[in-house]
Amino acid sequence: MTSALAVRYVSARVLEAAVVEGVPPGRGEVVLAPAFVGICGTDLHIFHGDMDARVGAPAVLGHEMAGRIVAVGEGVEGWQPGDAVTVMP
């Protein structure tokens, strides 16, 4: 897998831009290249430090997104690289 630039939560009210290494998809998983990512209420609570007991830092936020599949794991059927998708958080 390749690396990508991501914005990560580090601590309350602290974000950083960092290069992160991609992880190959596991069985039944796909890897997505995000095109659009939204910020939701949970992301704001995390940013303010209100969820540190549940979220380990550093953490890449943004589970409301759309993009394209770039890799599929073993056992994935009906999906292939290049397919446009959206995530149902």
C-alpha atoms as a PDB file:
ATOM      1  CA  MET A   1       0.000   0.000   0.000  1.00  0.00           C
ATOM      2  CA  THR A   2       1.069   3.582  -0.494  1.00  0.00           C
ATOM      3  CA  SER A   3       1.276   6.439   1.958  1.00  0.00           C
ATOM      4  CA  ALA A   4      -1.081   9.423   2.043  1.00  0.00           C
ATOM      5  CA  LEU A   5      -1.365  12.803   3.714  1.00  0.00           C
ATOM      6  CA  ALA A   6      -3.928  12.849   6.526  1.00  0.00           C
ATOM      7  CA  VAL A   7      -5.082  15.221   9.237  1.00  0.00           C
ATOM      8  CA  ARG A   8      -4.915  13.505  12.619  1.00  0.00           C
ATOM      9  CA  TYR A   9      -6.333  14.268  16.050  1.00  0.00           C
ATOM     10  CA  VAL A  10      -3.424  14.494  18.512  1.00  0.00           C
ATOM     11  CA  SER A  11      -5.019  15.926  21.664  1.00  0.00           C
ATOM     12  CA  ALA A  12      -7.770  18.327  22.704  1.00  0.00           C
ATOM     13  CA  ARG A  13      -7.927  21.084  20.064  1.00  0.00           C
ATOM     14  CA  VAL A  14      -4.726  19.896  18.364  1.00  0.00           C
ATOM     15  CA  LEU A  15      -4.666  18.499  14.817  1.00  0.00           C
ATOM     16  CA  GLU A  16      -1.611  17.704  12.703  1.00  0.00           C
ATOM     17  CA  ALA A  17      -0.992  16.952   9.050  1.00  0.00           C
ATOM     18  CA  ALA A  18       1.063  13.778   8.709  1.00  0.00           C
ATOM     19  CA  VAL A  19       1.988  11.157   6.161  1.00  0.00           C
ATOM     20  CA  VAL A  20       0.378   7.847   7.134  1.00  0.00           C
ATOM     21  CA  GLU A  21       1.127   4.433   5.714  1.00  0.00           C
ATOM     22  CA  GLY A  22      -1.698   2.564   4.033  1.00  0.00           C
ATOM     23  CA  VAL A  23      -2.784  -0.822   5.334  1.00  0.00           C
ATOM     24  CA  PRO A  24      -3.696  -3.633   2.918  1.00  0.00           C
ATOM     25  CA  PRO A  25      -7.339  -4.704   3.127  1.00  0.00           C
ATOM     26  CA  GLY A  26      -8.136  -7.712   5.260  1.00  0.00           C
ATOM     27  CA  ARG A  27     -10.643 -10.410   4.415  1.00  0.00           C
ATOM     28  CA  GLY A  28     -13.980  -8.814   3.516  1.00  0.00           C
ATOM     29  CA  GLU A  29     -12.533  -5.293   3.539  1.00  0.00           C
ATOM     30  CA  VAL A  30     -11.834  -2.628   0.926  1.00  0.00           C
ATOM     31  CA  VAL A  31      -9.452   0.341   0.905  1.00  0.00           C
ATOM     32  CA  LEU A  32     -10.909   3.665  -0.196  1.00  0.00           C
ATOM     33  CA  ALA A  33      -9.365   6.810  -1.635  1.00  0.00           C
ATOM     34  CA  PRO A  34     -11.485   9.613  -0.149  1.00  0.00           C
ATOM     35  CA  ALA A  35     -12.831  12.291  -2.475  1.00  0.00           C
ATOM     36  CA  PHE A  36     -15.042  14.107   0.041  1.00  0.00           C
ATOM     37  CA  VAL A  37     -15.103  13.887   3.851  1.00  0.00           C
ATOM     38  CA  GLY A  38     -17.593  15.530   6.192  1.00  0.00           C
ATOM     39  CA  ILE A  39     -17.235  16.558   9.803  1.00  0.00           C
ATOM     40  CA  CYS A  40     -19.985  15.380  12.140  1.00  0.00           C
ATOM     41  CA  GLY A  41     -20.903  16.089  15.735  1.00  0.00           C
ATOM     42  CA  THR A  42     -18.836  13.150  16.980  1.00  0.00           C
ATOM     43  CA  ASP A  43     -15.750  14.551  15.225  1.00  0.00           C
ATOM     44  CA  LEU A  44     -16.306  17.874  17.005  1.00  0.00           C
ATOM     45  CA  HIS A  45     -16.597  16.141  20.397  1.00  0.00           C
ATOM     46  CA  ILE A  46     -13.353  14.287  19.658  1.00  0.00           C
ATOM     47  CA  PHE A  47     -11.622  17.533  18.594  1.00  0.00           C
ATOM     48  CA  HIS A  48     -12.637  19.191  21.867  1.00  0.00           C
ATOM     49  CA  GLY A  49     -11.130  16.283  23.838  1.00  0.00           C
ATOM     50  CA  ASP A  50     -14.462  15.026  25.142  1.00  0.00           C
ATOM     51  CA  MET A  51     -13.936  11.455  23.879  1.00  0.00           C
ATOM     52  CA  ASP A  52     -10.313  10.734  24.782  1.00  0.00           C
ATOM     53  CA  ALA A  53     -11.400   7.672  26.773  1.00  0.00           C
ATOM     54  CA  ARG A  54     -12.792   6.146  23.547  1.00  0.00           C
ATOM     55  CA  VAL A  55     -10.443   7.499  20.875  1.00  0.00           C
ATOM     56  CA  GLY A  56      -6.730   6.774  20.883  1.00  0.00           C
ATOM     57  CA  ALA A  57      -4.430   9.447  19.528  1.00  0.00           C
ATOM     58  CA  PRO A  58      -3.223   9.969  16.935  1.00  0.00           C
ATOM     59  CA  ALA A  59      -6.466   9.244  15.086  1.00  0.00           C
ATOM     60  CA  VAL A  60      -7.598  10.056  11.559  1.00  0.00           C
ATOM     61  CA  LEU A  61     -11.168  11.364  11.778  1.00  0.00           C
ATOM     62  CA  GLY A  62     -13.875  11.556   9.120  1.00  0.00           C
ATOM     63  CA  HIS A  63     -16.134   8.522   8.869  1.00  0.00           C
ATOM     64  CA  GLU A  64     -18.687  10.366   6.713  1.00  0.00           C
ATOM     65  CA  MET A  65     -17.121  10.212   3.286  1.00  0.00           C
ATOM     66  CA  ALA A  66     -17.312   9.259  -0.366  1.00  0.00           C
ATOM     67  CA  GLY A  67     -14.579   8.122  -2.696  1.00  0.00           C
ATOM     68  CA  ARG A  68     -13.341   5.260  -4.852  1.00  0.00           C
ATOM     69  CA  ILE A  69     -12.212   1.750  -4.029  1.00  0.00           C
ATOM     70  CA  VAL A  70      -8.472   1.295  -4.587  1.00  0.00           C
ATOM     71  CA  ALA A  71      -8.014  -2.269  -3.270  1.00  0.00           C
ATOM     72  CA  VAL A  72     -10.226  -5.199  -2.280  1.00  0.00           C
ATOM     73  CA  GLY A  73      -9.451  -7.918   0.229  1.00  0.00           C
ATOM     74  CA  GLU A  74      -9.987 -11.624  -0.041  1.00  0.00           C
ATOM     75  CA  GLY A  75     -13.618 -12.682  -0.167  1.00  0.00           C
ATOM     76  CA  VAL A  76     -14.980  -9.328  -1.381  1.00  0.00           C
ATOM     77  CA  GLU A  77     -17.555  -9.892  -4.108  1.00  0.00           C
ATOM     78  CA  GLY A  78     -19.378  -7.341  -6.231  1.00  0.00           C
ATOM     79  CA  TRP A  79     -16.846  -4.556  -5.683  1.00  0.00           C
ATOM     80  CA  GLN A  80     -13.675  -3.704  -7.561  1.00  0.00           C
ATOM     81  CA  PRO A  81     -11.035  -0.977  -7.697  1.00  0.00           C
ATOM     82  CA  GLY A  82     -12.406   2.155  -9.330  1.00  0.00           C
ATOM     83  CA  ASP A  83     -15.968   1.724  -8.016  1.00  0.00           C
ATOM     84  CA  ALA A  84     -17.440   4.925  -6.568  1.00  0.00           C
ATOM     85  CA  VAL A  85     -18.766   4.443  -3.034  1.00  0.00           C
ATOM     86  CA  THR A  86     -20.086   6.258  -0.019  1.00  0.00           C
ATOM     87  CA  VAL A  87     -19.719   5.088   3.562  1.00  0.00           C
ATOM     88  CA  MET A  88     -22.675   4.408   5.822  1.00  0.00           C
ATOM     89  CA  PRO A  89     -21.224   5.288   9.257  1.00  0.00           C
END
